[in-house]
């Protein structure tokens, strides 16, 4: 499955959409193809990259069933968001639970850049991390 035309086009991107200078093929790419994330931060980064690349299938697959929406309708978003970057503030793990705080920067259409600040909760089940939910702190 690694040889699709879409993936080949993305493989040349450096850095990875999540900001890793190693590039997509050695960062979020393998996770998007089914490899388990080693920790919650890696899953959060791969989910950010999935938003950039409109990989709704991956976002839903890595969303915990207890909070997962039926669909995200990424293809129908208007205006279309342009993702500008990711800054991970902290990653705290406690066994099979973890919290990742991050700030993502994005722009809708021709509007000004905005910040999305989230404290996300993750849980590990059967060796795989899942996004559960998030809170949006003020500021």
N, C-alpha and C. Protein backbone atom coordinates (compact mmCIF):
# COMPACT_ATOMS: atom_id res chain seq x y z
N UNK A 1 0.81 -1.19 0.00
CA UNK A 1 0.00 0.00 0.00
C UNK A 1 0.86 1.26 0.00
N UNK A 2 2.15 1.09 0.17
CA UNK A 2 3.02 2.25 0.30
C UNK A 2 3.27 2.95 -1.02
N UNK A 3 2.92 2.34 -2.14
CA UNK A 3 3.31 2.90 -3.42
C UNK A 3 2.27 3.72 -4.13
N UNK A 4 1.28 4.26 -3.44
CA UNK A 4 0.26 5.05 -4.14
C UNK A 4 0.86 6.35 -4.64
N UNK A 5 0.27 6.88 -5.70
CA UNK A 5 0.77 8.12 -6.28
C UNK A 5 0.69 9.26 -5.27
N UNK A 6 -0.37 9.28 -4.49
CA UNK A 6 -0.54 10.35 -3.50
C UNK A 6 0.62 10.31 -2.50
N UNK A 7 0.95 9.13 -2.01
CA UNK A 7 2.01 9.01 -1.02
C UNK A 7 3.35 9.40 -1.62
N UNK A 8 3.61 9.00 -2.86
CA UNK A 8 4.88 9.37 -3.49
C UNK A 8 5.01 10.89 -3.56
N UNK A 9 3.92 11.58 -3.85
CA UNK A 9 3.96 13.04 -3.93
C UNK A 9 4.26 13.64 -2.55
N UNK A 10 3.69 13.06 -1.52
CA UNK A 10 3.88 13.58 -0.17
C UNK A 10 5.27 13.24 0.36
N UNK A 11 5.81 12.09 -0.05
CA UNK A 11 7.12 11.65 0.45
C UNK A 11 8.21 12.69 0.26
N UNK A 12 8.06 13.52 -0.76
CA UNK A 12 9.10 14.50 -1.07
C UNK A 12 9.03 15.71 -0.16
N UNK A 13 7.95 15.84 0.62
CA UNK A 13 7.82 16.99 1.52
C UNK A 13 8.82 16.88 2.65
N UNK A 14 9.58 17.95 2.84
CA UNK A 14 10.46 18.06 3.99
C UNK A 14 10.32 19.48 4.49
N UNK A 15 10.04 19.69 5.73
CA UNK A 15 9.82 18.70 6.77
C UNK A 15 8.43 18.07 6.67
N UNK A 16 8.16 17.14 7.57
CA UNK A 16 6.83 16.54 7.69
C UNK A 16 5.83 17.66 7.99
N UNK A 17 4.55 17.51 7.60
CA UNK A 17 3.57 18.54 7.94
C UNK A 17 3.54 18.88 9.43
N UNK A 18 3.89 17.93 10.30
CA UNK A 18 3.87 18.21 11.75
C UNK A 18 5.08 19.03 12.19
N UNK A 19 6.04 19.26 11.27
CA UNK A 19 7.21 20.07 11.58
C UNK A 19 8.49 19.30 11.76
N UNK A 20 8.44 17.97 11.75
CA UNK A 20 9.64 17.16 11.93
C UNK A 20 10.52 17.28 10.69
N UNK A 21 11.77 17.76 10.82
CA UNK A 21 12.64 17.90 9.65
C UNK A 21 13.02 16.58 9.00
N UNK A 22 12.78 15.45 9.68
CA UNK A 22 13.11 14.15 9.08
C UNK A 22 12.25 13.86 7.86
N UNK A 23 11.08 14.49 7.74
CA UNK A 23 10.23 14.29 6.58
C UNK A 23 9.11 13.30 6.82
N UNK A 24 8.10 13.39 5.98
CA UNK A 24 6.87 12.60 6.12
C UNK A 24 7.13 11.10 6.10
N UNK A 25 8.00 10.65 5.21
CA UNK A 25 8.21 9.20 5.02
C UNK A 25 8.78 8.53 6.27
N UNK A 26 9.48 9.28 7.12
CA UNK A 26 10.03 8.67 8.32
C UNK A 26 9.38 9.22 9.59
N UNK A 27 8.31 9.97 9.45
CA UNK A 27 7.64 10.53 10.62
C UNK A 27 6.18 10.09 10.63
N UNK A 28 5.26 10.91 10.13
CA UNK A 28 3.83 10.60 10.19
C UNK A 28 3.37 9.61 9.12
N UNK A 29 4.11 9.49 8.03
CA UNK A 29 3.71 8.60 6.95
C UNK A 29 3.46 7.17 7.39
N UNK A 30 4.41 6.53 8.09
CA UNK A 30 4.18 5.14 8.53
C UNK A 30 2.95 5.00 9.44
N UNK A 31 2.69 5.99 10.27
CA UNK A 31 1.51 5.93 11.14
C UNK A 31 0.24 6.01 10.31
N UNK A 32 0.24 6.88 9.30
CA UNK A 32 -0.92 6.98 8.42
C UNK A 32 -1.17 5.68 7.67
N UNK A 33 -0.11 4.87 7.50
CA UNK A 33 -0.27 3.59 6.80
C UNK A 33 -0.55 2.43 7.75
N UNK A 34 -0.70 2.72 9.06
CA UNK A 34 -1.14 1.67 9.97
C UNK A 34 -0.19 1.32 11.10
N UNK A 35 1.03 1.86 11.09
CA UNK A 35 1.96 1.57 12.19
C UNK A 35 1.44 2.21 13.47
N UNK A 36 1.59 1.54 14.62
CA UNK A 36 1.13 2.14 15.88
C UNK A 36 2.04 3.29 16.30
N UNK A 37 1.44 4.34 16.85
CA UNK A 37 2.22 5.46 17.37
C UNK A 37 2.95 5.01 18.64
N UNK A 38 4.24 5.37 18.77
CA UNK A 38 4.98 4.96 19.96
C UNK A 38 4.51 5.64 21.24
N UNK A 39 3.93 6.84 21.11
CA UNK A 39 3.42 7.55 22.28
C UNK A 39 2.34 8.53 21.83
N UNK A 40 1.71 9.18 22.82
CA UNK A 40 0.59 10.07 22.53
C UNK A 40 1.02 11.29 21.71
N UNK A 41 2.24 11.79 21.97
CA UNK A 41 2.70 12.94 21.19
C UNK A 41 2.84 12.59 19.72
N UNK A 42 3.39 11.42 19.43
CA UNK A 42 3.52 10.98 18.03
C UNK A 42 2.15 10.85 17.39
N UNK A 43 1.17 10.33 18.14
CA UNK A 43 -0.19 10.22 17.59
C UNK A 43 -0.77 11.60 17.34
N UNK A 44 -0.59 12.52 18.28
CA UNK A 44 -1.12 13.87 18.10
C UNK A 44 -0.49 14.53 16.88
N UNK A 45 0.82 14.37 16.71
CA UNK A 45 1.49 14.95 15.54
C UNK A 45 0.95 14.33 14.24
N UNK A 46 0.73 13.02 14.26
CA UNK A 46 0.23 12.35 13.05
C UNK A 46 -1.20 12.78 12.76
N UNK A 47 -1.97 13.09 13.80
CA UNK A 47 -3.33 13.59 13.59
C UNK A 47 -3.30 15.01 13.01
N UNK A 48 -2.37 15.84 13.47
CA UNK A 48 -2.22 17.16 12.88
C UNK A 48 -1.90 17.02 11.38
N UNK A 49 -0.92 16.16 11.06
CA UNK A 49 -0.57 15.94 9.65
C UNK A 49 -1.76 15.42 8.86
N UNK A 50 -2.60 14.60 9.49
CA UNK A 50 -3.79 14.08 8.81
C UNK A 50 -4.77 15.20 8.49
N UNK A 51 -4.89 16.18 9.39
CA UNK A 51 -5.73 17.35 9.07
C UNK A 51 -5.15 18.11 7.89
N UNK A 52 -3.83 18.32 7.89
CA UNK A 52 -3.18 19.03 6.78
C UNK A 52 -3.46 18.31 5.46
N UNK A 53 -3.36 16.97 5.47
CA UNK A 53 -3.49 16.16 4.25
C UNK A 53 -4.91 15.68 4.00
N UNK A 54 -5.87 16.11 4.86
CA UNK A 54 -7.28 15.73 4.73
C UNK A 54 -7.47 14.21 4.77
N UNK A 55 -6.75 13.55 5.69
CA UNK A 55 -6.87 12.10 5.87
C UNK A 55 -7.95 11.81 6.92
N UNK A 56 -9.19 12.05 6.56
CA UNK A 56 -10.30 11.85 7.50
C UNK A 56 -10.36 10.40 7.98
N UNK A 57 -10.00 9.45 7.11
CA UNK A 57 -10.01 8.04 7.50
C UNK A 57 -9.10 7.81 8.70
N UNK A 58 -7.92 8.41 8.66
CA UNK A 58 -6.95 8.23 9.76
C UNK A 58 -7.44 8.92 11.02
N UNK A 59 -7.98 10.11 10.89
CA UNK A 59 -8.47 10.84 12.06
C UNK A 59 -9.56 10.05 12.78
N UNK A 60 -10.48 9.47 12.03
CA UNK A 60 -11.55 8.69 12.64
C UNK A 60 -11.02 7.39 13.24
N UNK A 61 -10.06 6.76 12.57
CA UNK A 61 -9.51 5.49 13.06
C UNK A 61 -8.73 5.66 14.36
N UNK A 62 -8.18 6.85 14.59
CA UNK A 62 -7.38 7.09 15.79
C UNK A 62 -8.15 7.85 16.86
N UNK A 63 -9.45 8.01 16.65
CA UNK A 63 -10.32 8.68 17.61
C UNK A 63 -10.99 7.60 18.44
N UNK A 64 -10.96 7.71 19.76
CA UNK A 64 -11.52 6.67 20.61
C UNK A 64 -13.01 6.49 20.32
N UNK A 65 -13.49 5.23 20.22
CA UNK A 65 -14.90 4.98 19.88
C UNK A 65 -15.90 5.67 20.81
N UNK A 66 -15.52 5.92 22.07
CA UNK A 66 -16.46 6.54 23.01
C UNK A 66 -16.77 8.00 22.69
N UNK A 67 -15.90 8.66 21.93
CA UNK A 67 -16.10 10.08 21.62
C UNK A 67 -16.03 10.37 20.12
N UNK A 68 -15.85 9.36 19.30
CA UNK A 68 -15.64 9.53 17.85
C UNK A 68 -16.91 10.03 17.15
N UNK A 69 -16.81 11.10 16.36
CA UNK A 69 -17.96 11.52 15.56
C UNK A 69 -18.15 10.58 14.37
N UNK A 70 -19.31 10.63 13.76
CA UNK A 70 -19.58 9.77 12.60
C UNK A 70 -18.73 10.18 11.40
N UNK A 71 -18.47 11.46 11.26
CA UNK A 71 -17.66 11.97 10.16
C UNK A 71 -17.19 13.37 10.52
N UNK A 72 -16.21 13.86 9.77
CA UNK A 72 -15.66 15.20 10.01
C UNK A 72 -15.97 16.16 8.88
N UNK A 73 -16.27 15.62 7.70
CA UNK A 73 -16.59 16.43 6.51
C UNK A 73 -15.47 17.41 6.18
N UNK A 74 -14.22 16.94 6.24
CA UNK A 74 -13.09 17.81 5.94
C UNK A 74 -13.15 18.34 4.51
N UNK A 75 -13.59 17.50 3.58
CA UNK A 75 -13.62 17.91 2.17
C UNK A 75 -14.63 19.03 1.94
N UNK A 76 -15.61 19.18 2.83
CA UNK A 76 -16.66 20.17 2.65
C UNK A 76 -16.40 21.47 3.42
N UNK A 77 -15.28 21.55 4.13
CA UNK A 77 -15.00 22.75 4.94
C UNK A 77 -14.91 23.99 4.07
N UNK A 78 -15.66 25.02 4.43
CA UNK A 78 -15.60 26.30 3.74
C UNK A 78 -15.60 27.41 4.79
N UNK A 79 -14.68 28.36 4.73
CA UNK A 79 -13.52 28.32 3.84
C UNK A 79 -12.54 27.22 4.25
N UNK A 80 -11.73 26.82 3.31
CA UNK A 80 -10.77 25.75 3.56
C UNK A 80 -9.66 26.25 4.47
N UNK A 81 -9.35 25.52 5.55
CA UNK A 81 -8.24 25.96 6.40
C UNK A 81 -6.88 25.67 5.77
N UNK A 82 -5.96 26.59 5.96
CA UNK A 82 -4.56 26.38 5.61
C UNK A 82 -3.81 26.22 6.92
N UNK A 83 -3.20 25.07 7.12
CA UNK A 83 -2.49 24.78 8.36
C UNK A 83 -1.08 25.35 8.26
N UNK A 84 -0.69 26.16 9.24
CA UNK A 84 0.55 26.91 9.18
C UNK A 84 1.66 26.38 10.06
N UNK A 85 1.32 25.53 11.03
CA UNK A 85 2.38 24.99 11.87
C UNK A 85 1.86 24.47 13.19
N UNK A 86 2.72 23.70 13.85
CA UNK A 86 2.37 23.03 15.09
C UNK A 86 3.47 23.26 16.11
N UNK A 87 3.06 23.54 17.35
CA UNK A 87 4.01 23.71 18.45
C UNK A 87 3.50 22.89 19.63
N UNK A 88 4.22 21.81 19.95
CA UNK A 88 3.84 20.97 21.08
C UNK A 88 4.41 21.59 22.35
N UNK A 89 3.53 21.89 23.30
CA UNK A 89 3.93 22.56 24.54
C UNK A 89 4.34 21.57 25.63
N UNK A 90 3.60 20.46 25.76
CA UNK A 90 3.96 19.46 26.77
C UNK A 90 3.31 18.13 26.43
N UNK A 91 3.93 17.06 26.95
CA UNK A 91 3.43 15.70 26.79
C UNK A 91 3.65 15.01 28.12
N UNK A 92 2.55 14.63 28.77
CA UNK A 92 2.64 13.95 30.06
C UNK A 92 1.94 12.62 29.96
N UNK A 93 2.66 11.54 30.24
CA UNK A 93 2.09 10.20 30.17
C UNK A 93 2.05 9.59 31.56
N UNK A 94 0.98 8.85 31.84
CA UNK A 94 0.83 8.12 33.09
C UNK A 94 0.24 6.76 32.74
N UNK A 95 1.12 5.79 32.47
CA UNK A 95 0.66 4.47 32.07
C UNK A 95 -0.05 4.51 30.73
N UNK A 96 -1.32 4.12 30.72
CA UNK A 96 -2.10 4.08 29.48
C UNK A 96 -2.92 5.34 29.24
N UNK A 97 -2.59 6.40 29.94
CA UNK A 97 -3.26 7.69 29.74
C UNK A 97 -2.20 8.76 29.51
N UNK A 98 -2.53 9.73 28.69
CA UNK A 98 -1.57 10.80 28.42
C UNK A 98 -2.31 12.09 28.07
N UNK A 99 -1.60 13.19 28.25
CA UNK A 99 -2.09 14.52 27.89
C UNK A 99 -1.03 15.16 27.01
N UNK A 100 -1.48 15.79 25.91
CA UNK A 100 -0.58 16.55 25.05
C UNK A 100 -1.20 17.93 24.86
N UNK A 101 -0.42 18.94 25.21
CA UNK A 101 -0.86 20.32 24.99
C UNK A 101 -0.13 20.86 23.77
N UNK A 102 -0.87 21.51 22.88
CA UNK A 102 -0.26 22.03 21.67
C UNK A 102 -0.96 23.29 21.20
N UNK A 103 -0.27 24.01 20.33
CA UNK A 103 -0.85 25.15 19.63
C UNK A 103 -0.66 24.89 18.15
N UNK A 104 -1.78 24.87 17.42
CA UNK A 104 -1.72 24.76 15.96
C UNK A 104 -2.09 26.13 15.39
N UNK A 105 -1.40 26.52 14.34
CA UNK A 105 -1.69 27.78 13.68
C UNK A 105 -2.36 27.48 12.34
N UNK A 106 -3.41 28.22 12.03
CA UNK A 106 -4.13 28.01 10.79
C UNK A 106 -4.75 29.31 10.32
N UNK A 107 -5.16 29.31 9.07
CA UNK A 107 -5.82 30.45 8.44
C UNK A 107 -7.00 29.91 7.65
N UNK A 108 -8.13 30.58 7.74
CA UNK A 108 -9.30 30.20 6.94
C UNK A 108 -9.41 31.14 5.75
N UNK A 109 -9.39 30.56 4.55
CA UNK A 109 -9.49 31.38 3.35
C UNK A 109 -8.37 32.39 3.32
N UNK A 110 -8.71 33.66 3.07
CA UNK A 110 -7.71 34.73 3.04
C UNK A 110 -7.63 35.47 4.36
N UNK A 111 -8.22 34.93 5.41
CA UNK A 111 -8.25 35.60 6.71
C UNK A 111 -6.90 35.61 7.40
N UNK A 112 -6.87 36.24 8.56
CA UNK A 112 -5.61 36.30 9.30
C UNK A 112 -5.37 34.99 10.05
N UNK A 113 -4.11 34.76 10.35
CA UNK A 113 -3.72 33.53 11.05
C UNK A 113 -4.37 33.48 12.43
N UNK A 114 -4.77 32.28 12.83
CA UNK A 114 -5.37 32.05 14.14
C UNK A 114 -4.59 30.97 14.85
N UNK A 115 -4.77 30.93 16.18
CA UNK A 115 -4.14 29.90 17.01
C UNK A 115 -5.22 29.00 17.58
N UNK A 116 -4.99 27.70 17.52
CA UNK A 116 -5.88 26.74 18.16
C UNK A 116 -5.07 26.08 19.27
N UNK A 117 -5.38 26.43 20.50
CA UNK A 117 -4.65 25.93 21.67
C UNK A 117 -5.51 24.83 22.30
N UNK A 118 -4.97 23.62 22.37
CA UNK A 118 -5.75 22.49 22.90
C UNK A 118 -4.92 21.67 23.87
N UNK A 119 -5.59 21.19 24.92
CA UNK A 119 -5.02 20.19 25.81
C UNK A 119 -5.80 18.91 25.52
N UNK A 120 -5.15 17.97 24.83
CA UNK A 120 -5.81 16.76 24.36
C UNK A 120 -5.55 15.60 25.32
N UNK A 121 -6.57 14.75 25.47
CA UNK A 121 -6.43 13.54 26.29
C UNK A 121 -6.38 12.32 25.37
N UNK A 122 -5.48 11.39 25.73
CA UNK A 122 -5.27 10.17 24.95
C UNK A 122 -5.33 8.97 25.88
N UNK A 123 -5.71 7.82 25.31
CA UNK A 123 -5.72 6.58 26.06
C UNK A 123 -5.11 5.48 25.18
N UNK A 124 -4.38 4.54 25.81
CA UNK A 124 -3.79 3.43 25.07
C UNK A 124 -4.59 2.16 25.39
N UNK A 125 -5.05 1.50 24.33
CA UNK A 125 -5.78 0.23 24.46
C UNK A 125 -5.19 -0.77 23.48
N UNK A 126 -4.90 -1.96 23.97
CA UNK A 126 -4.31 -3.02 23.13
C UNK A 126 -3.08 -2.52 22.38
N UNK A 127 -2.27 -1.70 23.05
CA UNK A 127 -1.02 -1.24 22.46
C UNK A 127 -1.13 -0.09 21.50
N UNK A 128 -2.34 0.45 21.29
CA UNK A 128 -2.52 1.57 20.36
C UNK A 128 -3.08 2.77 21.10
N UNK A 129 -2.54 3.95 20.77
CA UNK A 129 -3.03 5.20 21.36
C UNK A 129 -4.22 5.72 20.57
N UNK A 130 -5.16 6.31 21.30
CA UNK A 130 -6.35 6.94 20.69
C UNK A 130 -6.56 8.33 21.28
N UNK A 131 -7.00 9.25 20.44
CA UNK A 131 -7.43 10.57 20.91
C UNK A 131 -8.80 10.41 21.56
N UNK A 132 -8.98 10.97 22.76
CA UNK A 132 -10.27 10.90 23.45
C UNK A 132 -11.02 12.20 23.30
N UNK A 133 -10.47 13.28 23.81
CA UNK A 133 -11.11 14.58 23.70
C UNK A 133 -10.10 15.65 24.06
N UNK A 134 -10.54 16.91 23.99
CA UNK A 134 -9.64 18.00 24.29
C UNK A 134 -10.37 19.17 24.90
N UNK A 135 -9.59 19.99 25.61
CA UNK A 135 -10.10 21.22 26.17
C UNK A 135 -9.33 22.37 25.56
N UNK A 136 -9.98 23.51 25.48
CA UNK A 136 -9.37 24.68 24.89
C UNK A 136 -9.15 25.73 25.97
N UNK A 137 -7.94 25.78 26.56
CA UNK A 137 -7.68 26.75 27.62
C UNK A 137 -7.75 28.18 27.09
N UNK A 138 -8.10 29.09 27.96
CA UNK A 138 -8.15 30.49 27.56
C UNK A 138 -6.73 31.00 27.29
N UNK A 139 -6.62 31.86 26.31
CA UNK A 139 -5.33 32.49 26.06
C UNK A 139 -4.48 31.83 25.06
